[in-house]
Protein backbone atom coordinates (compact mmCIF):
# COMPACT_ATOMS: atom_id res chain seq x y z
CA MET A 1 75.27 -55.72 97.40
CA SER A 2 72.27 -57.80 96.49
CA GLU A 3 72.12 -59.94 93.37
CA LEU A 4 71.57 -58.01 90.17
CA THR A 5 68.20 -58.69 88.61
CA THR A 6 69.10 -57.45 85.13
CA PHE A 7 72.26 -57.99 83.09
CA THR A 8 74.70 -55.08 83.35
CA GLU A 9 75.18 -54.18 79.69
CA GLY A 10 77.34 -51.35 78.37
CA GLU A 11 75.06 -48.52 79.45
CA PHE A 12 75.35 -49.64 83.10
CA TYR A 13 79.14 -49.27 82.91
CA GLU A 14 78.95 -45.56 82.12
CA GLY A 15 77.63 -44.67 85.55
CA HIS A 16 78.91 -47.53 87.69
CA PHE A 17 82.32 -48.78 86.50
CA ASP A 18 85.28 -47.30 88.37
CA SER A 19 88.18 -47.57 85.90
CA ARG A 20 90.90 -46.73 88.40
CA ALA A 21 89.59 -49.11 91.06
CA TYR A 22 89.42 -51.88 88.44
CA VAL A 23 93.07 -51.45 87.49
CA LYS A 24 94.16 -51.09 91.12
CA ASN A 25 92.29 -54.27 92.11
CA PHE A 26 93.19 -56.49 89.16
CA TYR A 27 96.29 -55.09 87.40
CA SER A 28 98.48 -53.45 90.06
CA CYS A 29 100.83 -56.44 90.10
CA PRO A 30 101.53 -59.36 87.72
CA ARG A 31 99.61 -61.89 89.83
CA GLY A 32 96.42 -59.85 89.59
CA HIS A 33 93.86 -59.96 92.39
CA SER A 34 94.83 -62.16 95.34
CA ASP A 35 91.45 -63.94 95.21
CA GLU A 36 92.04 -64.96 91.58
CA LYS A 37 95.25 -66.91 92.02
CA ASP A 38 97.71 -66.43 89.11
CA PHE A 39 94.89 -65.33 86.76
CA LEU A 40 96.85 -62.41 85.28
CA THR A 41 100.18 -64.24 85.29
CA PHE A 42 98.61 -66.96 83.14
CA VAL A 43 97.11 -64.39 80.75
CA LEU A 44 100.36 -62.45 80.30
CA LYS A 45 102.35 -65.67 79.77
CA CYS A 46 99.91 -66.90 77.10
CA LEU A 47 99.95 -63.57 75.25
CA SER A 48 103.74 -63.47 75.41
CA ARG A 49 104.03 -66.97 74.01
CA VAL A 50 101.71 -66.15 71.08
CA PHE A 51 103.24 -62.83 70.11
CA SER A 52 106.81 -62.43 71.35
CA ALA A 53 108.47 -64.66 68.74
CA GLY A 54 107.15 -62.49 65.90
CA GLU A 55 105.52 -65.37 64.04
CA HIS A 56 102.29 -63.39 63.99
CA LYS A 57 102.75 -59.88 62.64
CA GLY A 58 101.24 -57.40 60.24
CA LYS A 59 100.03 -53.87 59.73
CA LEU A 60 96.94 -53.57 61.98
CA LEU A 61 95.91 -55.04 65.32
CA ILE A 62 92.52 -54.15 66.83
CA ASP A 63 91.87 -54.72 70.54
CA VAL A 64 88.12 -54.89 71.17
CA GLY A 65 86.86 -53.90 74.62
CA SER A 66 90.18 -52.85 76.12
CA GLY A 67 88.61 -51.40 79.25
CA PRO A 68 91.12 -48.98 80.80
CA SER A 69 93.85 -51.58 80.22
CA ILE A 70 96.75 -52.09 77.82
CA HIS A 71 97.74 -55.61 78.91
CA SER A 72 96.30 -57.35 75.83
CA VAL A 73 98.68 -55.68 73.40
CA ILE A 74 101.98 -55.35 75.29
CA SER A 75 103.55 -58.49 73.79
CA ALA A 76 102.12 -57.78 70.33
CA CYS A 77 103.19 -54.16 69.92
CA ASP A 78 106.62 -54.90 68.44
CA HIS A 79 105.03 -56.84 65.59
CA TYR A 80 102.11 -54.67 64.36
CA GLU A 81 102.60 -51.26 62.80
CA GLU A 82 99.30 -49.83 64.01
CA ILE A 83 97.19 -50.69 67.06
CA VAL A 84 93.61 -49.61 67.78
CA LEU A 85 92.38 -49.79 71.36
CA SER A 86 88.68 -49.46 72.14
CA ASP A 87 85.96 -49.55 74.77
CA PHE A 88 82.30 -48.71 75.27
CA ALA A 89 82.81 -46.64 78.44
CA ASN A 90 84.07 -43.07 78.14
CA ASP A 91 86.08 -43.22 81.39
CA ASN A 92 87.97 -46.29 80.22
CA ARG A 93 88.98 -44.61 76.97
CA ARG A 94 89.99 -41.45 78.85
CA GLU A 95 92.30 -43.43 81.14
CA ILE A 96 94.06 -44.98 78.14
CA GLU A 97 94.42 -41.57 76.49
CA LYS A 98 95.89 -40.10 79.69
CA TRP A 99 98.49 -42.87 79.80
CA LEU A 100 99.33 -42.53 76.11
CA ASN A 101 99.85 -38.79 76.50
CA ASN A 102 101.91 -39.08 79.72
CA LEU A 103 99.45 -36.91 81.63
CA GLU A 104 99.80 -36.36 85.36
CA GLY A 105 97.90 -38.92 87.40
CA SER A 106 97.75 -41.50 84.62
CA LEU A 107 97.60 -45.18 85.51
CA ASP A 108 100.87 -46.94 86.33
CA TRP A 109 101.53 -49.88 84.05
CA LYS A 110 105.21 -50.25 84.97
CA PRO A 111 104.79 -53.45 87.09
CA ILE A 112 102.99 -55.22 84.23
CA LEU A 113 105.41 -53.93 81.59
CA GLN A 114 108.34 -55.04 83.76
CA HIS A 115 106.87 -58.53 84.12
CA VAL A 116 106.36 -58.92 80.37
CA CYS A 117 109.88 -57.68 79.72
CA GLU A 118 111.27 -60.26 82.14
CA LEU A 119 109.46 -62.94 80.15
CA GLU A 120 110.75 -61.63 76.84
CA GLY A 121 114.18 -60.18 77.66
CA LYS A 122 113.25 -56.63 76.71
CA SER A 123 113.68 -53.14 78.15
CA PRO A 124 110.53 -51.77 79.86
CA SER A 125 111.22 -48.20 78.74
CA ASP A 126 111.76 -49.28 75.13
CA LEU A 127 108.66 -51.47 75.11
CA GLU A 128 106.52 -48.73 76.65
CA ALA A 129 107.76 -46.25 74.05
CA THR A 130 107.02 -48.68 71.22
CA LEU A 131 103.51 -49.37 72.51
CA LYS A 132 102.69 -45.67 72.85
CA GLN A 133 104.00 -45.03 69.34
CA ARG A 134 102.05 -47.91 67.79
CA VAL A 135 98.65 -47.09 69.33
CA LYS A 136 97.12 -44.83 66.70
CA LYS A 137 93.49 -44.64 67.86
CA VAL A 138 91.35 -45.18 70.95
CA LEU A 139 87.77 -45.64 69.72
CA LYS A 140 84.34 -46.23 71.16
CA CYS A 141 83.06 -49.71 70.40
CA ASP A 142 79.88 -51.66 71.04
CA VAL A 143 80.19 -55.37 70.37
CA ARG A 144 76.40 -55.70 70.14
CA LEU A 145 76.46 -53.84 66.82
CA GLU A 146 76.99 -55.46 63.42
CA ASN A 147 80.00 -53.15 63.06
CA PRO A 148 81.31 -52.60 66.61
CA PHE A 149 82.97 -49.34 65.52
CA SER A 150 79.99 -47.80 63.74
CA PRO A 151 79.95 -45.16 62.28
CA HIS A 152 83.65 -45.78 61.60
CA THR A 153 84.71 -48.53 59.20
CA LEU A 154 88.17 -49.87 59.95
CA GLU A 155 90.38 -51.54 57.40
CA PRO A 156 90.58 -55.34 57.76
CA ALA A 157 92.93 -56.25 60.60
CA ASP A 158 95.72 -58.80 60.62
CA CYS A 159 94.86 -59.58 64.23
CA VAL A 160 91.93 -58.94 66.58
CA THR A 161 92.43 -59.34 70.31
CA THR A 162 89.81 -59.18 73.05
CA SER A 163 90.11 -59.78 76.78
CA LEU A 164 87.28 -60.24 79.30
CA CYS A 165 84.89 -58.26 77.13
CA LEU A 166 82.30 -60.41 75.36
CA GLU A 167 81.05 -62.34 78.38
CA ALA A 168 80.62 -59.05 80.25
CA ALA A 169 78.88 -57.30 77.34
CA CYS A 170 76.57 -60.05 76.05
CA LYS A 171 73.46 -60.94 78.04
CA ASP A 172 72.76 -64.25 76.26
CA ILE A 173 74.36 -66.75 73.90
CA GLN A 174 72.60 -65.26 70.87
CA THR A 175 74.14 -61.85 71.57
CA TYR A 176 77.51 -63.54 72.14
CA CYS A 177 77.31 -65.32 68.77
CA HIS A 178 76.39 -62.04 67.08
CA ALA A 179 79.31 -60.27 68.77
CA LEU A 180 81.83 -62.92 67.75
CA HIS A 181 80.55 -62.70 64.19
CA GLY A 182 81.19 -58.96 64.31
CA LEU A 183 84.74 -59.54 65.51
CA THR A 184 85.50 -62.00 62.72
CA LYS A 185 84.26 -59.46 60.17
CA LEU A 186 86.97 -57.08 61.40
CA LEU A 187 89.63 -59.60 60.32
CA ARG A 188 91.19 -59.95 56.91
CA PRO A 189 91.05 -63.43 55.35
CA GLY A 190 93.64 -65.52 57.18
CA GLY A 191 93.67 -63.10 60.12
CA LEU A 192 94.21 -64.14 63.72
CA LEU A 193 91.72 -63.91 66.60
CA VAL A 194 93.20 -63.99 70.12
CA MET A 195 90.76 -64.14 73.02
CA ILE A 196 91.05 -64.08 76.81
CA GLY A 197 87.93 -64.91 78.77
CA VAL A 198 86.36 -66.79 81.64
CA LEU A 199 84.27 -69.95 81.82
CA GLY A 200 81.37 -70.50 84.19
CA GLU A 201 81.37 -66.96 85.59
CA SER A 202 78.12 -65.16 86.50
CA PHE A 203 79.55 -62.03 88.16
CA TYR A 204 82.62 -60.04 89.08
CA LYS A 205 83.03 -57.09 91.45
CA VAL A 206 84.97 -53.85 91.34
CA ASP A 207 85.15 -52.77 94.98
CA ASP A 208 81.51 -53.22 96.08
CA GLN A 209 79.94 -52.84 92.63
CA ARG A 210 78.75 -56.08 91.06
CA PHE A 211 78.73 -56.67 87.28
CA SER A 212 77.05 -59.48 85.35
CA CYS A 213 78.83 -62.06 83.26
CA LEU A 214 77.47 -64.58 80.75
CA ARG A 215 78.16 -68.15 81.88
CA LEU A 216 80.05 -69.90 79.09
CA SER A 217 81.55 -73.34 78.57
CA GLN A 218 84.45 -74.33 76.34
CA ASP A 219 81.96 -76.20 74.15
CA ASN A 220 79.85 -73.03 73.77
CA ILE A 221 82.80 -71.03 72.51
CA GLU A 222 84.25 -73.70 70.23
CA GLU A 223 80.84 -74.31 68.66
CA VAL A 224 80.37 -70.62 67.89
CA LEU A 225 83.85 -70.20 66.42
CA ARG A 226 83.61 -73.28 64.24
CA GLY A 227 80.16 -72.18 63.11
CA LEU A 228 81.77 -68.96 61.90
CA GLY A 229 84.34 -70.97 59.95
CA LEU A 230 87.33 -70.26 62.19
CA SER A 231 90.01 -72.84 62.87
CA ILE A 232 90.92 -73.09 66.56
CA LEU A 233 94.70 -73.33 66.82
CA GLU A 234 94.90 -73.54 70.62
CA PHE A 235 92.60 -73.36 73.62
CA ASN A 236 94.37 -73.08 76.97
CA LEU A 237 92.75 -73.25 80.41
CA LEU A 238 93.73 -72.35 83.94
CA PRO A 239 91.14 -73.75 86.39
CA ALA A 240 90.23 -71.56 89.35
CA GLU A 241 91.65 -72.48 92.74
CA ASN A 242 89.79 -72.17 96.05
CA ARG A 243 86.62 -70.84 94.44
CA LYS A 244 84.84 -70.65 97.78
CA ASP A 245 87.39 -68.06 98.94
CA ASN A 246 87.02 -65.84 95.88
CA THR A 247 84.99 -62.76 96.85
CA VAL A 248 85.42 -60.81 93.59
CA SER A 249 84.19 -63.33 91.00
CA ASP A 250 82.95 -66.89 90.59
CA PHE A 251 84.85 -68.00 87.46
CA GLU A 252 85.54 -71.69 86.97
CA ALA A 253 88.50 -71.19 84.63
CA VAL A 254 90.26 -68.50 82.65
CA PHE A 255 90.88 -69.35 79.00
CA HIS A 256 93.14 -68.16 76.23
CA LEU A 257 92.45 -69.16 72.65
CA VAL A 258 93.91 -68.50 69.23
CA ALA A 259 91.83 -68.99 66.09
CA ARG A 260 92.33 -68.21 62.43
CA LYS A 261 89.86 -66.88 59.87
CA PRO A 262 89.92 -68.93 56.66
CA SER A 263 91.84 -67.50 53.71
CA GLU A 264 89.77 -66.76 50.64
C-alpha cells in the first residue's frame, strides 16, 4: 500500500483493523513476528520481572488500549483483585469478551500463557483461570479524552498498564502529553504506571493494512513523565535488529518503563 497521508487515529481502526490477523501475526508464539526479532519475548520477560514477585499489588489494575490482547496483564493477574481491560475498537473488545467467556472460535492464548508460566514456575490452566476471574470489565476507552473512560468514572487504580497504544493513538506530541496526563489521573497517589512502547516508529502493518505511529524518543517520553511529576523507576530498551529486513514496522527500539505517581 502507498504511504498514508493522514494519521490513522481511533476511528480508522473501526473499519480497517483486523483483530484476529493482528494476534495471528504478532502473538501466535512467544517470539512474536519473525521480522521483529525477540520483540514479544523481551516484553513478556520485562512484565514478568515487574509483577511476578508480588512486590507490586493492590485492588485495581487498569490496562489502557489492550487491543484484542491480554499479554499486558498475564504476570500481574495474581496480584490485583480486579482488572479492567479496554480498547477503542469494538472488534478488539469483542475478541477479549469471547476469550473470557470461553466462546467457540475465541483467540488462542495458550502459547503465550505457557511461556509466561515457564518464566514464573506456574500452571497455565491455573493462571488462565485466575486471569479470567480477575478481569471484571472490558470497556471502551479513548486516550484522547480528559477521562479516557468517559462517561464512566473509574476508582483510582493501584496500577495502570498500557502497551503499544499511545504512539498509535496520538497524532502529535501534544496529544501524547495530554493522553499521558489522562493516564496518570487514573492512578491513586503512589500508584504505578507500566508502559510498553516503541521508539522511532512511523508505521506498522497488519497483513497489508498500514497504520500510523508517532515517532518518539526516550527523551520525549522521560520529559513528559517528569513534567507530570512521575518518578521513573526503570526504562529498559531492546534495539531493533536488521531493520532493513523488517517489512511490518520500522521501530528503532521497543521500550518498557515503570514510573510512580507521587504520594500526596
